[in-house]
Amino acid sequence: MRKRELSRRFLITCMGALVLTFGLLILCAWAGGPPEKPIDQDIAKGKWLVFVSPPQEFPINPEPALAISLFERSWKERQRALERQLRQLRGVGEISEVKGVPYALSIRTEPQSLALISGLPGVEEVVPDTKAARQRLKGLPLLQKQRSALSRIIPLQAPLTLTVAVHLTEMKVVGETSLPTPVLITIASSTGYISKFSTVIPIPIGSNRYIYVFNFCSGWIPRETILPPGGVITVSQAGKVITATIPSLSAFATAEDDSIYGTGPLSATVDVYLYKEDEASFFASYTTTVTASGAYTLMPGIDLVGGHYGYAGVTGENGVRFYESFVVPYVSLWYGGDVLSGKAVPYSYINVRVKDKQGQIGSGWGDAYSDPYGAFACYISQNYYGGWSFAEGDLITVSGGGQEFSTVVPLLTSEFHRDEAKVDGYAPPSSPLEISLLKLDGSTAAFTTTSSADGYYALSLAPVSPQATEMGFVRYRTPEGHRIHRAFAVPGIIAELNDFYLRGYLSQAAAPFTLTLTGASGRVKSMFFDTSSYQADFAFYQRYYYYENVKIYPIIKEGDRVSIEVSGEEEISLTVPHLTINVDSSVKIAYGEAPPSSHLEVWWGDYVREVTATATGIYTADFSSEIGEELAYGSMSTWYFDEQGNSVYIEAFAPYLSIAIGRKYVYTPYCSKFSCPMAVLLLDENGQLKERAQAHCCGVANFSNPIQAGDILVLEIEGQRVLTATVPFISARFDEENDLIYGQGPPSSTLSIYVYVYEPTYESVYKASQEWPYYYYTYIYTVETSAGGFYTLPLSGTLDIIPGSRGYVIYTSPHNYMVGYPFGAPMVYVNIGEEGVAMLLESFAPVSVTLLGPDGTEKSPPRSVTPSYLEAYASFDKPVEPGDTIVLTTASKVISVPIPLLTVSLDGDENLIKGMAPPEASLDVLLCRLQMGQEWRCFLRSATVSSSGGYSLTLPSDVTRADVMYWPPRGDQIKVTGIKPHLEVKLGARTIYGSSFRLGEPVTVTLYASDGSVKGQGTGESSAYHSSFNVYLDGITPTVGISDVIELRTPSGVYTFVILHLTAYGDAVEDVVHGQAPPLTLVRVEVSEKSWLRGPHAQGGYYYSPPYRIVQADANGFYAADWSDVGLPMDGEGEVKWSNKRGDLVEVGFTVKGADFYLPLVLKQWPYEREMVISSTAASLPSKK
C-alpha cells in the first residue's frame, strides 16, 4: 500500500512537471540521445522469477487437441489468479510477465516475503530473476517440461501411426504418433505459396506414444494470414503424408437466446464442447449439422451466461480435425471508471460504443484486441480531453469478430458507515452480491449477501476490523453474466510532510467536501471547497488530466491539523506529528525521529522494515542484509499511523552516483520535487572545476565533456556536498585467442563483469540488417584484482568470445558510487556498395580504417575515427566492392576483412532471388515487403551456396527487398541488399510511394499523361535502411489518373509503370462495392469504418482493422464485393487495391452512398482534409431509393 502510494506520488509529480520533462528531452537529445539505464539496474535488486505450477484439476476432453488447449487455458488462468493475489501482498512491487518464458512472473520483493510467496497456491518455484535463469527455462519446450501432466491429459489409447488436429483460433497444430522421428508441418495458400513451415520433435508421453505440438504464431495476428480458408495443411513423418484443406469455420455463443451458432462446410457434422469458466468439473458435448446455407445453430438447453466457453470441431479430409473457440461474451466495469474489460470473440478487433441516458456517445479506443481466450480491455473516451465515467443507465454495445452484444448498466450504490463498520446501498431487487474488502496487509476479506425485494442491502464488516484508507467493492453479476462493480472506502487521510499534497478516501462517492488546513497556532492556513471525490475509488482529489491530488498552500508542517467535512459534518481529521528521516548509505541504515513508542513503516525502495520508536522518539531501520555490498539507491520513506489509521509520511533518497567512463552524463537519485535541489560537479584530478550540471527529476546530470579516469564528481543536495566520487582507472579487454578477459581496476577490489555475447538469431539478423545488433546472451562474473590492480578472468568452458560481444566492468565503492567501463570484441559490419563501414570496437581509443583495392593498394586513404561508446563509422571516398579488403588497426591488433564475391538480384519475372557467394557457404536472407513507404513485414530465410558459388531462393511476389548476409570465419558481417523497384499510387493523389533500385540514392519521379505530356514531377531520396521513398509531385495537374505513366529515374536505372483502369463505388442499399479492374485479376476491397456490424448473428467471419474482401474481376473487368452479410455503413469510406506480380500497387478510394447522386472527381487538399476519390471516369452512378 505504501509503496504503491509512493509510486503514484512520483508519477503525479512528474506529470505536473511536464514542461520540465520536455526540456529534459531536448537536453538529452543535445547530449547524444537519451541515457541508457545504469548497468547495475539490469540485474535489478530484489527481483525474482515465480514459476506457476501446472493445474492439477482442469477440464478434460476426449480429443487430444482440445485437452491440451484446455490444459494450457487452465494454466494461464492459474497464472492470472496468482498475479492478482501477489498484487495484494505487502512488500511485492513490480509484477510482469516474462517474455519468452511461459507461465512465469517476474516480481520485485524483499527476501523476507519469499517464504510467504513460495507457499501460495499455484507457485511451483521461486528463483532469482537472472538472465541465466530465464535462458535455462526458455530453452525447454513448455510441454516437455510438463511431460507428466501430458500423460494425464491425453486419454490412453492404442498407438497410432499419425493423427492431425488444427486449432484455428490458437493457430496450433497438434497430433499423436507412435514414432519419435521429426514431424514436418507446412501451410500453403490455395495458390500453392508456402507461408509457414516447421519441423517439430515429438514428445514422449508413454510407451510408443508421442505427441507433437506447434504454435504457428504468438501475439495478435489475423488468423487468415496464418491459416487461410482454402489453404492446405500438410503434415508428414517417416514417409507418411497427411494433407487437408483448411475449411471456413466459425463459432459463436450468446446468452440472449442461449444458443451456439456459426458457419462451416456444407452438411458437415459439428461437434460442440461446452465448459464453464468458474467450474472446472463441468463438461457437456453436443452434435449438430451445417445446413445447406452453410450455417448451424445449436440450443444446448442450459442457461448460457458470460464466461461459458467451448470449441466447435469438424472433420476434414483424411481425418484431420479442425476446431474453433467460442465464448459467451460479457463485460466488466466499475462505476465511475473509464475502462471496459470482459470477453468477446477470441483474436478479434473489439469496438465499444457507450451512450448515457441523455444519448451522449463515448467511443472505445486503445488496446482493443481480444486474446486467444477472448479477454479484452478498452479505454472509453468521452471526448478528446477526458475519459468516460460509467453510470446507471449507460448503454454499452460491444462488437467484434462478427458478433455484437449490449447491456445497460444497472443501479448499484455503496457507502461505508464508519461508526457501524458496515457497508450498505442499493442493487437490483433480490440479487446475490459479492462484497470484498482489500486489507492493507494485502489480504482480501470476501463476503456474500442478497439484496431485499426493494433492492436494499447491508453487511457488517466489523469482524475484519476495517482500517482507514482500506478499499472495497460490491460486485453484481447480471443474469447474462456481466460484472458490475461499485467501490467503497474506509475514510482516511494520507499526507506528506514538508510537501503540499494530500490524498485520502471518503465514505461517499462524488461527495462535495471541505478540507481545512490549520496551523499549530490555530490559524487557518488553507481551505479547499466543493471538490467531489472521484467515484471510481472514492479518493478526494481533482481529476484534472493526470494531476490527481489535492494541492494546498502552504506546505504541510509539523503540528498542522487536516480536517475533512462532508455535508457540514467533520468526517475525518489528522494532526501532523514530528517526523524526520536520514540515511547512512555506507552502512545501509535509515534513521530519524518520530512520536515516542509509535509504530512505523520504513521503506527503502521495495524493501520495508516495521519498527517501533523508542521512548525518546528515536528509530533505526537496518537494510544491510537486503542491499549488502551493492549500490544503495532509491527513494526512502517513513510512515506514521494515528489511532484512526490515517497516515503521514516523509520522503528522502539515498545519495549515490552511477558513473560510466567515456559517457557525458551521470545517474543520480530520482528527485520527486518540482524544483530538483541536486547538482553534480565535475572536477579534474587536481580538484579544479571542469563544469557543473543540474540533476533533473529523471535522475540524470548531463555534461559537455566525457568522464575520464582521475576525474572527481561531487553530488550536491540543497547546496551541501553529500557524496564525492573519484573515478578510478579501469580497463578491460577480450583475448579471443585464449578465451579470457584481462585488465586493471582499483587494487585489491572486487569487480563485476557482465559479458554480452552476440549470437545471430532471427531478431538479431533483422536488427543488424538496419542498425546495431542488440540481441545478446548475458553472462555475469566477479573477479578480484591483485595488490597491483591487475586481474585475469578465464572464460574457457563457460562461453566462446565472438566478434560483436560486449562487456562491462563495474566497480562499486563502499562510499556508495559505482563506476563502469565498457569494452568489446571488434566486429566489422560491411554493406557492399556503401561508401563506409560500421564497427564495434574494443575501447574508446581512436582506430585507423583503410580500404584496399583488389591489388592491395589504397582505394581510400586511412580514416582515423574515435568511437562513441564503442561504436564507430568510417566514411570512404569510394564504395566497398567485392575483392576489396578493409583493414582495421586498433590499439592491440590489426584486423583484415576481405570482401568476397557476394551478389543478389530479385527477378520478378522468374520469381527468384539469386546471386553469387563463397562456395558452400550458409547465408541468411531477410525478405521484406514495403507498402505505401512503410516497412510492413520481414521474415528470415536461409540459403546454401552451391560448390560453384551460386544460390537461389523462391521470391514471393510481395517481397521488394532482400538482405543477403554472409558471416566469414572470423565472425564479421558482410551484407548485400537487393531491391525490386516498385511503385504505389492512389488515384487522385499527388504523392508517389515505392522502393528504388538501391539504398540511399536520389530519385526523380515524373508523371506523364497518356499523350506523353508531363503532368508533374518530384525528387527525393530512397531510405538508407530499406530503399523506400515518397515523392510529392509539383506541377499544373500533378494528380494520378488512369492511363497515366509513372517514371522512376535513379542513377541505378529507370523503372516505369502504367496506371491501369480501376474504379470503385459503394452501394449501401444493395450492400455491394462495384467497380472495374484489369480483367481476371484480384482486387482487395477494404471498408475503413469499424463500428457498423449489424446484429449478433452476422455471418461475416473474423473482421480486423480494416475488414476486407478479395474478389476477382470477370473477363470484362467488372467486379462486385458482396457485404450484405454485415451491411455497408451509410457515408462510410473504403479503398480498393490492385497489385501486379512486380509489387506495383494502385489504390482508389470510395464513399458509400444510399441516395440519388452524381459526383464529379473531387480532390480535397491534403493534409488538412482526407483525400477522397469517387472515380476518374464520368460515368453516372445508379439511383438508390
Foldseek 3Di string as FASTA:
>chain_A
DVLVVVVLLLVLLCVVLVVVVVVVQVVQVVQPHNDDDFPCPVQPFQKKKWAFDFDPFFAADQDLVVLVVRRVVSLVVLLVVLVLLLVLAALKDDWDDDPLQPRMIMIGGFPVCVVVSCPDHGTDDMGRDDLVVSVVRSPDDPCLVVLQVSLVRHDDDDADQKAWEAELLQQKIKMKHLDQFKKKKWKAALVGHTDDIDIWGWHDNDHSITMTMDHRDDDQDPSCSRQNQQIKMWMDDPHDIDIWGHWFWDWEAEQPQQKIKEFTPAFWKKKKWKDAQPDRHDIDIDIDTQHPVRMTMDRPPDRAAFRMKIKIWTATPPRYIYIYIYTHWAWEDEALAFKIKTFGGASKQKWKWKQAPVRQIWTWDDFRTHHSRGIGMTGIPSDPFGGDGDDFQMWMWMDIQLFIDIDGHHDDFWFADQVQQKIKDFGAAFFKKKKWKSDNNSDIDIDIDTAHRRGIDMDHPVVVPDAFFIKMWMWGADSRGYIYIFMAGHWAKEAEAPFFWIKTADRHAQFWKKKWKAALVRHTFWMDGGQGARRRTRMGFDPHRSNGTDGIPDGHHQQIKIWMGTPRHTDDMDHHHDWDWDADQLQQKIKTFTAAQFWKWKDQNSYIDIWTAHRVGIDMDGPCVSQPLHFRWGKMKMWTADPRGYIYMYIDIDFEWEAEAQRFKIFTHADSHSDFQKKKFKAALVRHTPDIFGAHNVGMTGHPDGDHQSIKMFMDGNNHTDAIDHRHDWDWFADQVQQKIKIFDAAFFKKKKKKWADDDDFQQVVCLLFDHRPDTRIDMDMWTAHRVGITMGHCPPPDHHAAPMKMKMWGADSRRYIYIYIAGRKAWAAEFFAQKIKMFHGHQDKKWKFKAALVRHTPFDIDIWGDNSRIDMDGGPGGHHQSMWMWIGDPPDIDIDHHHFWDWEQDLVVQKIKGFDAAQFKKKKKWWADDQLHTDDIDIDMWTAHRVGMTMDGHALRTFKMWIWGQPPRGHIYIYMAGLWAWEAEAFAQKIKIFDGAAWFKKKKWKAALVGHTAWIFIDTAHNNGRIDMTGTDHDRRGDDAQIKMWIDTPVGIDIDGHHFWAWEAEQQQQKIKIFDAAFFKKKKWWQDDPQFPHRNQNPGGQHHTRIDIWTAHRVGIDMDHPVSGTDDAQTKIKMWGADSSNYIYMYIYTYHAAADQDAADADDPPVDDGHGRHPDRDGDDGHD
